[in-house]
Amino acid sequence: MSVFANLVEQLAQLLEPFFHASAAAAAIVLFTAFVRLLVHPLSRAAARGQKARTQLQPKIAELRKKHGKSPERLQQAVLELHAEEKVSPLAGCLPGLFQLPAFFLLYHLFSNPTIGGEANELLGHELLAAPLGHRWVDALGDGGVFGAAGLVYVALFALVAAVAAFNYRRTKRMMAATGSSVPVSVPVGGGGGEQVPGLGAMTKVMPFMSFFTLVTVAVVPLAAALYVVTSSTWSAVERAVLYR
């Protein structure tokens, strides 16, 4: 962790002539962009998998008619179809999973008062007037919602809400375009087209998933929140391009 802290400090020093006191925040944004570039091939693969799974829906409908009275046989046939077409139902999860280490690294880096037995100097950096090691509750206690630090969070919340609204509309359009209650579904039920238990609840929640980012931004250190906001915005733009 001390090695990563030194890298952030050095990058912040390089950016200081351009971003001044917010140089460390700019370094986190650049770090996030670097991580997203590394994950981009997985995102492209996930997009191809999504399109391939959508194209499989007519074949899955035929399998449902053929094996409607045998849920176990239907599920096996669907899995065999995915294997035959080389389509992985889990491909869409990989980009998010590969980003978790970077998020937790920033979270711990800006949560610990000491690093390597020495004071954590990164906690002294700010995004405008908001310390990168503080949380929203700290901003509320230091001037309230419309205080200097509180306004930084207001701007972040507004950006997250705009991205979430964009993702919500896009998800609803995808559901309507595929004629499915979810973008990708694996039918395993009988002739009535029943699906995986609990999938109905997931269907209702899925369009609102992006809004849960607001909770994350509110409870983690500002540095980690900045990573989440930057990554979410990147994802929205990336998906709009890849899934067009």
C-alpha atoms as a PDB file:
ATOM      1  CA  MET A   1       0.000   0.000   0.000  1.00  0.00           C
ATOM      2  CA  SER A   2       2.890   2.348   0.726  1.00  0.00           C
ATOM      3  CA  VAL A   3       4.141   1.823  -2.840  1.00  0.00           C
ATOM      4  CA  PHE A   4       0.758   2.814  -4.253  1.00  0.00           C
ATOM      5  CA  ALA A   5       0.622   5.828  -1.904  1.00  0.00           C
ATOM      6  CA  ASN A   6       3.987   6.998  -3.243  1.00  0.00           C
ATOM      7  CA  LEU A   7       2.750   6.614  -6.819  1.00  0.00           C
ATOM      8  CA  VAL A   8      -0.316   8.731  -6.074  1.00  0.00           C
ATOM      9  CA  GLU A   9       1.859  11.363  -4.381  1.00  0.00           C
ATOM     10  CA  GLN A  10       4.257  11.501  -7.324  1.00  0.00           C
ATOM     11  CA  LEU A  11       1.446  11.733  -9.863  1.00  0.00           C
ATOM     12  CA  ALA A  12      -0.191  14.471  -7.784  1.00  0.00           C
ATOM     13  CA  GLN A  13       3.077  16.412  -7.809  1.00  0.00           C
ATOM     14  CA  LEU A  14       3.202  16.195 -11.603  1.00  0.00           C
ATOM     15  CA  LEU A  15      -0.377  17.458 -11.863  1.00  0.00           C
ATOM     16  CA  GLU A  16      -0.043  20.173  -9.233  1.00  0.00           C
ATOM     17  CA  PRO A  17       0.848  22.973 -11.721  1.00  0.00           C
ATOM     18  CA  PHE A  18      -2.474  22.303 -13.487  1.00  0.00           C
ATOM     19  CA  PHE A  19      -4.834  21.357 -10.632  1.00  0.00           C
ATOM     20  CA  HIS A  20      -3.108  22.934  -7.604  1.00  0.00           C
ATOM     21  CA  ALA A  21      -4.676  21.696  -4.325  1.00  0.00           C
ATOM     22  CA  SER A  22      -6.896  19.224  -6.201  1.00  0.00           C
ATOM     23  CA  ALA A  23      -3.943  17.498  -7.876  1.00  0.00           C
ATOM     24  CA  ALA A  24      -4.399  14.270  -5.876  1.00  0.00           C
ATOM     25  CA  ALA A  25      -8.066  14.150  -6.904  1.00  0.00           C
ATOM     26  CA  ALA A  26      -6.992  14.546 -10.538  1.00  0.00           C
ATOM     27  CA  ALA A  27      -4.489  11.726 -10.005  1.00  0.00           C
ATOM     28  CA  ILE A  28      -7.312   9.469  -8.804  1.00  0.00           C
ATOM     29  CA  VAL A  29      -9.350  10.306 -11.907  1.00  0.00           C
ATOM     30  CA  LEU A  30      -6.375   9.426 -14.126  1.00  0.00           C
ATOM     31  CA  PHE A  31      -5.822   6.220 -12.153  1.00  0.00           C
ATOM     32  CA  THR A  32      -9.476   5.301 -12.680  1.00  0.00           C
ATOM     33  CA  ALA A  33      -9.185   5.981 -16.406  1.00  0.00           C
ATOM     34  CA  PHE A  34      -6.091   3.755 -16.541  1.00  0.00           C
ATOM     35  CA  VAL A  35      -7.939   0.921 -14.784  1.00  0.00           C
ATOM     36  CA  ARG A  36     -10.905   1.284 -17.143  1.00  0.00           C
ATOM     37  CA  LEU A  37      -8.581   1.154 -20.157  1.00  0.00           C
ATOM     38  CA  LEU A  38      -7.114  -2.091 -18.835  1.00  0.00           C
ATOM     39  CA  VAL A  39     -10.617  -3.519 -18.343  1.00  0.00           C
ATOM     40  CA  HIS A  40     -11.908  -2.257 -21.702  1.00  0.00           C
ATOM     41  CA  PRO A  41     -11.173  -5.524 -23.583  1.00  0.00           C
ATOM     42  CA  LEU A  42     -13.378  -7.336 -21.062  1.00  0.00           C
ATOM     43  CA  SER A  43     -16.093  -4.723 -21.575  1.00  0.00           C
ATOM     44  CA  ARG A  44     -15.952  -5.269 -25.326  1.00  0.00           C
ATOM     45  CA  ALA A  45     -16.190  -9.026 -24.795  1.00  0.00           C
ATOM     46  CA  ALA A  46     -19.172  -8.492 -22.486  1.00  0.00           C
ATOM     47  CA  ALA A  47     -20.875  -6.380 -25.158  1.00  0.00           C
ATOM     48  CA  ARG A  48     -20.328  -9.076 -27.772  1.00  0.00           C
ATOM     49  CA  GLY A  49     -21.684 -11.653 -25.347  1.00  0.00           C
ATOM     50  CA  GLN A  50     -24.766  -9.523 -24.668  1.00  0.00           C
ATOM     51  CA  LYS A  51     -25.510  -9.206 -28.372  1.00  0.00           C
ATOM     52  CA  ALA A  52     -24.927 -12.932 -28.884  1.00  0.00           C
ATOM     53  CA  ARG A  53     -27.263 -13.835 -26.021  1.00  0.00           C
ATOM     54  CA  THR A  54     -29.921 -11.564 -27.479  1.00  0.00           C
ATOM     55  CA  GLN A  55     -29.610 -13.354 -30.822  1.00  0.00           C
ATOM     56  CA  LEU A  56     -30.081 -16.684 -29.037  1.00  0.00           C
ATOM     57  CA  GLN A  57     -33.516 -15.757 -27.726  1.00  0.00           C
ATOM     58  CA  PRO A  58     -35.432 -17.293 -30.717  1.00  0.00           C
ATOM     59  CA  LYS A  59     -33.541 -20.586 -30.266  1.00  0.00           C
ATOM     60  CA  ILE A  60     -34.226 -20.526 -26.527  1.00  0.00           C
ATOM     61  CA  ALA A  61     -37.913 -19.993 -27.286  1.00  0.00           C
ATOM     62  CA  GLU A  62     -37.842 -23.123 -29.457  1.00  0.00           C
ATOM     63  CA  LEU A  63     -36.175 -25.086 -26.675  1.00  0.00           C
ATOM     64  CA  ARG A  64     -38.869 -23.896 -24.280  1.00  0.00           C
ATOM     65  CA  LYS A  65     -41.539 -25.318 -26.583  1.00  0.00           C
ATOM     66  CA  LYS A  66     -39.639 -28.567 -27.030  1.00  0.00           C
ATOM     67  CA  HIS A  67     -38.790 -29.192 -23.371  1.00  0.00           C
ATOM     68  CA  GLY A  68     -41.543 -27.207 -21.697  1.00  0.00           C
ATOM     69  CA  LYS A  69     -42.636 -30.148 -19.564  1.00  0.00           C
ATOM     70  CA  SER A  70     -39.131 -30.933 -18.337  1.00  0.00           C
ATOM     71  CA  PRO A  71     -37.493 -27.979 -16.515  1.00  0.00           C
ATOM     72  CA  GLU A  72     -34.279 -29.921 -15.901  1.00  0.00           C
ATOM     73  CA  ARG A  73     -33.926 -30.894 -19.573  1.00  0.00           C
ATOM     74  CA  LEU A  74     -34.734 -27.339 -20.642  1.00  0.00           C
ATOM     75  CA  GLN A  75     -32.048 -25.883 -18.385  1.00  0.00           C
ATOM     76  CA  GLN A  76     -29.490 -28.394 -19.675  1.00  0.00           C
ATOM     77  CA  ALA A  77     -30.428 -27.631 -23.277  1.00  0.00           C
ATOM     78  CA  VAL A  78     -30.028 -23.886 -22.698  1.00  0.00           C
ATOM     79  CA  LEU A  79     -26.590 -24.409 -21.138  1.00  0.00           C
ATOM     80  CA  GLU A  80     -25.583 -26.643 -24.049  1.00  0.00           C
ATOM     81  CA  LEU A  81     -26.761 -23.961 -26.492  1.00  0.00           C
ATOM     82  CA  HIS A  82     -24.623 -21.333 -24.756  1.00  0.00           C
ATOM     83  CA  ALA A  83     -21.625 -23.676 -24.845  1.00  0.00           C
ATOM     84  CA  GLU A  84     -22.191 -24.500 -28.514  1.00  0.00           C
ATOM     85  CA  GLU A  85     -22.410 -20.821 -29.454  1.00  0.00           C
ATOM     86  CA  LYS A  86     -19.460 -20.004 -27.134  1.00  0.00           C
ATOM     87  CA  VAL A  87     -21.520 -17.500 -25.176  1.00  0.00           C
ATOM     88  CA  SER A  88     -20.791 -17.091 -21.475  1.00  0.00           C
ATOM     89  CA  PRO A  89     -23.657 -15.898 -19.255  1.00  0.00           C
ATOM     90  CA  LEU A  90     -21.063 -14.556 -16.775  1.00  0.00           C
ATOM     91  CA  ALA A  91     -19.045 -12.422 -19.210  1.00  0.00           C
ATOM     92  CA  GLY A  92     -20.922  -9.273 -18.231  1.00  0.00           C
ATOM     93  CA  CYS A  93     -19.763  -9.603 -14.605  1.00  0.00           C
ATOM     94  CA  LEU A  94     -16.027  -9.683 -15.335  1.00  0.00           C
ATOM     95  CA  PRO A  95     -15.404  -5.927 -15.886  1.00  0.00           C
ATOM     96  CA  GLY A  96     -16.923  -5.074 -12.511  1.00  0.00           C
ATOM     97  CA  LEU A  97     -15.101  -7.881 -10.685  1.00  0.00           C
ATOM     98  CA  PHE A  98     -11.705  -6.844 -12.047  1.00  0.00           C
ATOM     99  CA  GLN A  99     -12.245  -3.288 -10.778  1.00  0.00           C
ATOM    100  CA  LEU A 100     -12.941  -4.271  -7.172  1.00  0.00           C
ATOM    101  CA  PRO A 101      -9.254  -4.496  -6.130  1.00  0.00           C
ATOM    102  CA  ALA A 102      -8.612  -0.932  -7.338  1.00  0.00           C
ATOM    103  CA  PHE A 103     -11.657   0.373  -5.461  1.00  0.00           C
ATOM    104  CA  PHE A 104     -10.735  -1.368  -2.199  1.00  0.00           C
ATOM    105  CA  LEU A 105      -7.141  -0.190  -2.545  1.00  0.00           C
ATOM    106  CA  LEU A 106      -8.265   3.433  -2.695  1.00  0.00           C
ATOM    107  CA  TYR A 107     -10.765   2.835   0.093  1.00  0.00           C
ATOM    108  CA  HIS A 108      -8.124   1.530   2.480  1.00  0.00           C
ATOM    109  CA  LEU A 109      -5.512   4.039   1.343  1.00  0.00           C
ATOM    110  CA  PHE A 110      -7.740   6.973   2.298  1.00  0.00           C
ATOM    111  CA  SER A 111      -9.194   5.337   5.420  1.00  0.00           C
ATOM    112  CA  ASN A 112      -5.975   4.602   7.304  1.00  0.00           C
ATOM    113  CA  PRO A 113      -4.317   7.399   9.325  1.00  0.00           C
ATOM    114  CA  THR A 114      -0.915   5.736   8.897  1.00  0.00           C
ATOM    115  CA  ILE A 115       0.829   3.905   6.070  1.00  0.00           C
ATOM    116  CA  GLY A 116       3.976   1.904   6.649  1.00  0.00           C
ATOM    117  CA  GLY A 117       4.209   3.223  10.196  1.00  0.00           C
ATOM    118  CA  GLU A 118       4.166   6.859   9.071  1.00  0.00           C
ATOM    119  CA  ALA A 119       1.420   9.468   8.909  1.00  0.00           C
ATOM    120  CA  ASN A 120      -0.747   9.178   5.815  1.00  0.00           C
ATOM    121  CA  GLU A 121       0.004  12.443   4.000  1.00  0.00           C
ATOM    122  CA  LEU A 122      -2.603  11.696   1.354  1.00  0.00           C
ATOM    123  CA  LEU A 123      -5.335  12.523   3.869  1.00  0.00           C
ATOM    124  CA  GLY A 124      -4.280  16.152   3.647  1.00  0.00           C
ATOM    125  CA  HIS A 125      -5.217  16.391  -0.023  1.00  0.00           C
ATOM    126  CA  GLU A 126      -8.570  17.844  -1.088  1.00  0.00           C
ATOM    127  CA  LEU A 127     -11.004  18.051  -3.952  1.00  0.00           C
ATOM    128  CA  LEU A 128     -11.657  21.772  -3.919  1.00  0.00           C
ATOM    129  CA  ALA A 129     -12.630  22.242  -0.233  1.00  0.00           C
ATOM    130  CA  ALA A 130     -13.441  18.606   0.606  1.00  0.00           C
ATOM    131  CA  PRO A 131     -10.687  16.386   2.121  1.00  0.00           C
ATOM    132  CA  LEU A 132     -10.225  13.166   0.165  1.00  0.00           C
ATOM    133  CA  GLY A 133     -10.209  11.115   3.367  1.00  0.00           C
ATOM    134  CA  HIS A 134     -13.534  12.469   4.638  1.00  0.00           C
ATOM    135  CA  ARG A 135     -17.043  11.169   4.030  1.00  0.00           C
ATOM    136  CA  TRP A 136     -20.345  12.892   3.368  1.00  0.00           C
ATOM    137  CA  VAL A 137     -21.224  12.867   7.064  1.00  0.00           C
ATOM    138  CA  ASP A 138     -18.020  14.817   7.715  1.00  0.00           C
ATOM    139  CA  ALA A 139     -19.047  17.389   5.123  1.00  0.00           C
ATOM    140  CA  LEU A 140     -22.464  17.730   6.775  1.00  0.00           C
ATOM    141  CA  GLY A 141     -20.770  18.393  10.090  1.00  0.00           C
ATOM    142  CA  ASP A 142     -18.512  21.025   8.524  1.00  0.00           C
ATOM    143  CA  GLY A 143     -20.848  23.616   7.064  1.00  0.00           C
ATOM    144  CA  GLY A 144     -23.813  21.420   6.129  1.00  0.00           C
ATOM    145  CA  VAL A 145     -25.127  20.560   2.680  1.00  0.00           C
ATOM    146  CA  PHE A 146     -24.334  23.987   1.254  1.00  0.00           C
ATOM    147  CA  GLY A 147     -20.992  24.392   2.962  1.00  0.00           C
ATOM    148  CA  ALA A 148     -17.804  24.373   0.894  1.00  0.00           C
ATOM    149  CA  ALA A 149     -17.287  20.607   1.298  1.00  0.00           C
ATOM    150  CA  GLY A 150     -21.010  19.880   1.106  1.00  0.00           C
ATOM    151  CA  LEU A 151     -21.268  21.517  -2.316  1.00  0.00           C
ATOM    152  CA  VAL A 152     -18.596  19.154  -3.645  1.00  0.00           C
ATOM    153  CA  TYR A 153     -20.823  16.245  -2.674  1.00  0.00           C
ATOM    154  CA  VAL A 154     -23.874  17.969  -4.150  1.00  0.00           C
ATOM    155  CA  ALA A 155     -22.029  18.142  -7.477  1.00  0.00           C
ATOM    156  CA  LEU A 156     -21.019  14.463  -7.248  1.00  0.00           C
ATOM    157  CA  PHE A 157     -24.561  13.387  -6.338  1.00  0.00           C
ATOM    158  CA  ALA A 158     -25.951  15.393  -9.264  1.00  0.00           C
ATOM    159  CA  LEU A 159     -23.493  13.725 -11.667  1.00  0.00           C
ATOM    160  CA  VAL A 160     -24.266  10.248 -10.315  1.00  0.00           C
ATOM    161  CA  ALA A 161     -28.027  10.905 -10.555  1.00  0.00           C
ATOM    162  CA  ALA A 162     -27.666  12.063 -14.175  1.00  0.00           C
ATOM    163  CA  VAL A 163     -25.637   8.964 -15.092  1.00  0.00           C
ATOM    164  CA  ALA A 164     -28.102   6.711 -13.244  1.00  0.00           C
ATOM    165  CA  ALA A 165     -31.058   8.272 -15.065  1.00  0.00           C
ATOM    166  CA  PHE A 166     -29.282   7.732 -18.384  1.00  0.00           C
ATOM    167  CA  ASN A 167     -28.597   4.075 -17.496  1.00  0.00           C
ATOM    168  CA  TYR A 168     -32.198   3.613 -16.344  1.00  0.00           C
ATOM    169  CA  ARG A 169     -33.619   4.794 -19.669  1.00  0.00           C
ATOM    170  CA  ARG A 170     -31.089   2.722 -21.598  1.00  0.00           C
ATOM    171  CA  THR A 171     -31.869  -0.451 -19.613  1.00  0.00           C
ATOM    172  CA  LYS A 172     -35.605   0.008 -20.155  1.00  0.00           C
ATOM    173  CA  ARG A 173     -35.024   0.436 -23.889  1.00  0.00           C
ATOM    174  CA  MET A 174     -32.921  -2.736 -23.998  1.00  0.00           C
ATOM    175  CA  MET A 175     -35.662  -4.679 -22.244  1.00  0.00           C
ATOM    176  CA  ALA A 176     -38.255  -3.388 -24.690  1.00  0.00           C
ATOM    177  CA  ALA A 177     -36.016  -4.079 -27.698  1.00  0.00           C
ATOM    178  CA  THR A 178     -35.359  -7.694 -26.700  1.00  0.00           C
ATOM    179  CA  GLY A 179     -39.009  -8.248 -25.807  1.00  0.00           C
ATOM    180  CA  SER A 180     -37.837  -9.605 -22.488  1.00  0.00           C
ATOM    181  CA  SER A 181     -38.403  -8.648 -18.889  1.00  0.00           C
ATOM    182  CA  VAL A 182     -34.616  -8.588 -18.472  1.00  0.00           C
ATOM    183  CA  PRO A 183     -31.852  -8.040 -21.036  1.00  0.00           C
ATOM    184  CA  VAL A 184     -30.659 -11.614 -20.587  1.00  0.00           C
ATOM    185  CA  SER A 185     -32.786 -14.367 -19.103  1.00  0.00           C
ATOM    186  CA  VAL A 186     -32.340 -18.102 -18.762  1.00  0.00           C
ATOM    187  CA  PRO A 187     -35.718 -19.843 -18.788  1.00  0.00           C
ATOM    188  CA  VAL A 188     -35.777 -22.974 -16.715  1.00  0.00           C
ATOM    189  CA  GLY A 189     -39.452 -23.418 -15.995  1.00  0.00           C
ATOM    190  CA  GLY A 190     -42.303 -25.317 -17.496  1.00  0.00           C
ATOM    191  CA  GLY A 191     -44.624 -24.587 -20.354  1.00  0.00           C
ATOM    192  CA  GLY A 192     -45.689 -21.316 -18.788  1.00  0.00           C
ATOM    193  CA  GLY A 193     -42.206 -19.897 -19.327  1.00  0.00           C
ATOM    194  CA  GLU A 194     -41.284 -19.680 -15.650  1.00  0.00           C
ATOM    195  CA  GLN A 195     -37.785 -18.459 -14.912  1.00  0.00           C
ATOM    196  CA  VAL A 196     -35.142 -18.742 -12.261  1.00  0.00           C
ATOM    197  CA  PRO A 197     -36.610 -18.224  -8.772  1.00  0.00           C
ATOM    198  CA  GLY A 198     -36.104 -14.631  -7.685  1.00  0.00           C
ATOM    199  CA  LEU A 199     -35.565 -13.417 -11.254  1.00  0.00           C
ATOM    200  CA  GLY A 200     -38.828 -11.504 -11.196  1.00  0.00           C
ATOM    201  CA  ALA A 201     -37.670  -9.410  -8.260  1.00  0.00           C
ATOM    202  CA  MET A 202     -34.299  -8.860  -9.949  1.00  0.00           C
ATOM    203  CA  THR A 203     -36.129  -7.733 -13.080  1.00  0.00           C
ATOM    204  CA  LYS A 204     -37.884  -4.978 -11.167  1.00  0.00           C
ATOM    205  CA  VAL A 205     -34.720  -3.841  -9.394  1.00  0.00           C
ATOM    206  CA  MET A 206     -32.299  -3.990 -12.332  1.00  0.00           C
ATOM    207  CA  PRO A 207     -33.203  -0.623 -13.950  1.00  0.00           C
ATOM    208  CA  PHE A 208     -32.614   1.089 -10.600  1.00  0.00           C
ATOM    209  CA  MET A 209     -29.222  -0.501  -9.867  1.00  0.00           C
ATOM    210  CA  SER A 210     -27.299   2.577 -11.015  1.00  0.00           C
ATOM    211  CA  PHE A 211     -29.043   4.712  -8.383  1.00  0.00           C
ATOM    212  CA  PHE A 212     -27.480   2.555  -5.639  1.00  0.00           C
ATOM    213  CA  THR A 213     -24.193   4.273  -6.529  1.00  0.00           C
ATOM    214  CA  LEU A 214     -25.527   7.288  -4.632  1.00  0.00           C
ATOM    215  CA  VAL A 215     -25.354   5.267  -1.411  1.00  0.00           C
ATOM    216  CA  THR A 216     -21.773   4.195  -2.126  1.00  0.00           C
ATOM    217  CA  VAL A 217     -20.675   7.782  -2.780  1.00  0.00           C
ATOM    218  CA  ALA A 218     -22.241   8.861   0.511  1.00  0.00           C
ATOM    219  CA  VAL A 219     -20.591   6.289   2.779  1.00  0.00           C
ATOM    220  CA  VAL A 220     -17.035   5.803   1.452  1.00  0.00           C
ATOM    221  CA  PRO A 221     -14.074   8.207   1.650  1.00  0.00           C
ATOM    222  CA  LEU A 222     -14.216  10.938  -0.976  1.00  0.00           C
ATOM    223  CA  ALA A 223     -11.224   9.454  -2.830  1.00  0.00           C
ATOM    224  CA  ALA A 224     -13.058   6.131  -3.261  1.00  0.00           C
ATOM    225  CA  ALA A 225     -16.259   7.998  -4.132  1.00  0.00           C
ATOM    226  CA  LEU A 226     -14.372   9.862  -6.843  1.00  0.00           C
ATOM    227  CA  TYR A 227     -13.248   6.522  -8.262  1.00  0.00           C
ATOM    228  CA  VAL A 228     -16.851   5.265  -8.268  1.00  0.00           C
ATOM    229  CA  VAL A 229     -18.208   8.408  -9.935  1.00  0.00           C
ATOM    230  CA  THR A 230     -15.501   8.434 -12.598  1.00  0.00           C
ATOM    231  CA  SER A 231     -15.903   4.720 -13.302  1.00  0.00           C
ATOM    232  CA  SER A 232     -19.713   4.969 -13.456  1.00  0.00           C
ATOM    233  CA  THR A 233     -19.529   7.855 -15.917  1.00  0.00           C
ATOM    234  CA  TRP A 234     -17.003   5.943 -18.021  1.00  0.00           C
ATOM    235  CA  SER A 235     -19.273   2.881 -17.999  1.00  0.00           C
ATOM    236  CA  ALA A 236     -22.280   4.892 -19.167  1.00  0.00           C
ATOM    237  CA  VAL A 237     -20.356   6.322 -22.132  1.00  0.00           C
ATOM    238  CA  GLU A 238     -18.704   2.988 -22.899  1.00  0.00           C
ATOM    239  CA  ARG A 239     -21.962   1.069 -22.887  1.00  0.00           C
ATOM    240  CA  ALA A 240     -23.679   3.682 -25.044  1.00  0.00           C
ATOM    241  CA  VAL A 241     -20.953   3.145 -27.661  1.00  0.00           C
ATOM    242  CA  LEU A 242     -20.552  -0.639 -27.378  1.00  0.00           C
ATOM    243  CA  TYR A 243     -24.269  -1.494 -27.188  1.00  0.00           C
ATOM    244  CA  ARG A 244     -25.523   0.901 -29.843  1.00  0.00           C
END
